[in-house]
Protein backbone atom coordinates (compact mmCIF):
# COMPACT_ATOMS: atom_id res chain seq x y z
CA UNK A 1 -13.79 24.84 -1.67
CA UNK A 2 -16.31 22.10 -2.41
CA UNK A 3 -17.25 19.26 0.00
CA UNK A 4 -15.75 16.76 -2.46
CA UNK A 5 -12.34 18.48 -2.27
CA UNK A 6 -12.55 18.54 1.53
CA UNK A 7 -13.34 14.91 1.67
CA UNK A 8 -10.39 14.13 -0.63
CA UNK A 9 -8.06 16.13 1.55
CA UNK A 10 -9.29 14.45 4.68
CA UNK A 11 -8.99 10.99 3.28
CA UNK A 12 -5.54 11.89 1.85
CA UNK A 13 -4.32 13.09 5.23
CA UNK A 14 -5.69 9.97 6.98
CA UNK A 15 -3.83 7.90 4.22
CA UNK A 16 -0.60 9.71 4.88
CA UNK A 17 -0.95 9.27 8.58
CA UNK A 18 -1.63 5.50 8.45
CA UNK A 19 1.03 5.05 5.75
CA UNK A 20 3.60 6.79 7.81
CA UNK A 21 2.85 4.49 10.73
CA UNK A 22 2.91 1.55 8.36
CA UNK A 23 6.32 2.51 7.11
CA UNK A 24 7.63 2.08 10.62
CA UNK A 25 5.52 -0.79 11.91
CA UNK A 26 6.09 -4.23 10.33
CA UNK A 27 2.48 -5.43 10.63
CA UNK A 28 0.75 -2.44 8.94
CA UNK A 29 1.29 -2.08 5.22
CA UNK A 30 2.23 1.47 4.13
CA UNK A 31 1.78 1.01 0.38
CA UNK A 32 -2.05 0.88 0.02
CA UNK A 33 -2.56 3.85 2.25
CA UNK A 34 0.09 6.02 0.51
CA UNK A 35 -1.43 5.01 -2.85
CA UNK A 36 -4.77 6.19 -1.49
CA UNK A 37 -3.27 9.47 -0.22
CA UNK A 38 -1.60 10.06 -3.74
CA UNK A 39 -4.94 9.51 -5.49
CA UNK A 40 -6.90 11.76 -3.08
CA UNK A 41 -4.31 14.59 -3.13
CA UNK A 42 -4.26 14.42 -6.98
CA UNK A 43 -8.03 14.86 -7.00
CA UNK A 44 -8.19 17.53 -4.36
CA UNK A 45 -5.36 19.96 -4.96
CA UNK A 46 -2.32 20.26 -7.30
CA UNK A 47 -0.35 21.92 -4.44
CA UNK A 48 -1.04 19.01 -2.07
CA UNK A 49 -0.18 16.52 -4.71
CA UNK A 50 3.14 18.19 -5.50
CA UNK A 51 3.88 18.34 -1.72
CA UNK A 52 3.07 14.63 -1.29
CA UNK A 53 4.99 13.47 -4.30
CA UNK A 54 7.97 15.38 -2.95
CA UNK A 55 8.08 13.72 0.49
CA UNK A 56 10.58 11.02 1.40
CA UNK A 57 7.74 8.65 2.34
CA UNK A 58 6.35 8.87 -1.20
CA UNK A 59 9.71 8.54 -2.81
CA UNK A 60 10.73 5.54 -0.84
CA UNK A 61 7.44 3.61 -1.04
CA UNK A 62 5.55 4.58 -4.18
CA UNK A 63 7.59 6.56 -6.68
CA UNK A 64 9.09 3.67 -8.63
CA UNK A 65 5.73 1.84 -8.77
CA UNK A 66 3.83 4.88 -10.01
CA UNK A 67 6.44 5.60 -12.57
CA UNK A 68 6.03 2.15 -14.03
CA UNK A 69 9.48 0.78 -12.89
CA UNK A 70 7.99 -1.64 -10.33
CA UNK A 71 9.27 -2.46 -6.88
CA UNK A 72 12.43 -3.85 -5.43
CA UNK A 73 12.39 -7.42 -4.08
CA UNK A 74 12.89 -6.06 -0.55
CA UNK A 75 9.68 -3.91 -0.88
CA UNK A 76 7.73 -6.82 -2.42
CA UNK A 77 8.76 -9.25 0.30
CA UNK A 78 7.97 -6.78 3.01
CA UNK A 79 4.41 -6.35 1.60
CA UNK A 80 3.91 -10.09 1.18
CA UNK A 81 5.09 -10.95 4.65
CA UNK A 82 2.90 -8.25 6.15
CA UNK A 83 -0.18 -9.40 4.24
CA UNK A 84 0.60 -13.09 5.01
CA UNK A 85 0.86 -12.38 8.78
CA UNK A 86 -2.38 -10.37 8.81
CA UNK A 87 -4.24 -12.92 6.81
CA UNK A 88 -2.98 -15.74 9.10
CA UNK A 89 -4.58 -13.96 12.02
CA UNK A 90 -7.85 -13.74 10.13
CA UNK A 91 -7.57 -17.38 9.00
CA UNK A 92 -6.92 -18.60 12.51
CA UNK A 93 -10.00 -16.62 13.90
CA UNK A 94 -12.27 -18.20 11.33
CA UNK A 95 -11.92 -21.72 12.72
CA UNK A 96 -15.58 -22.39 12.29
CA UNK A 97 -16.12 -20.48 9.07
CA UNK A 98 -14.94 -22.74 6.18
CA UNK A 99 -16.00 -20.29 3.45
CA UNK A 100 -14.18 -17.51 5.10
CA UNK A 101 -11.00 -19.56 5.25
CA UNK A 102 -11.42 -20.49 1.54
CA UNK A 103 -11.92 -16.81 0.51
CA UNK A 104 -8.96 -15.75 2.60
CA UNK A 105 -6.77 -18.45 1.04
CA UNK A 106 -7.83 -17.42 -2.44
CA UNK A 107 -7.12 -13.75 -1.73
CA UNK A 108 -3.74 -14.67 -0.18
CA UNK A 109 -2.79 -16.76 -3.22
CA UNK A 110 -3.86 -14.01 -5.63
CA UNK A 111 -1.84 -11.51 -3.61
CA UNK A 112 1.37 -13.58 -3.69
CA UNK A 113 0.95 -14.40 -7.43
CA UNK A 114 0.30 -10.68 -8.24
CA UNK A 115 3.35 -9.38 -6.40
CA UNK A 116 5.65 -12.04 -7.70
CA UNK A 117 4.53 -12.12 -11.40
CA UNK A 118 2.36 -9.03 -11.83
CA UNK A 119 4.48 -6.28 -10.37
CA UNK A 120 7.76 -5.50 -12.24
CA UNK A 121 10.88 -6.00 -10.22
CA UNK A 122 13.78 -3.66 -10.53
CA UNK A 123 17.23 -3.50 -8.88
CA UNK A 124 17.60 -0.53 -6.55
CA UNK A 125 20.41 1.70 -7.72
CA UNK A 126 23.62 1.43 -5.61
CA UNK A 127 24.02 4.37 -3.29
């Protein structure tokens, strides 16, 4: 096994771990870490990739997005609130750094616009 595959597996496992914590904690976003894990597992091992795409964590948070369906409003709002809260902390800590506040504001606006208009919204099937 090459060093590249080992690195992909290690980063993928870290992504799953942080993503699992983020699925439970409201301030830590799960989505980007699970997306990272999916990418790393796909690059490292077909067996790991199949395992990860079969987990409930993947199915609940990424499957619809990866399949091109988009996200539910509930998921979008959860992500936007989490990022807004985290960026607010950074914004408040940069009281003396005007350019930092401007950059954070631009990133925040792009984030909101992207999730509202760039990511498709679908209705979750009734269970």
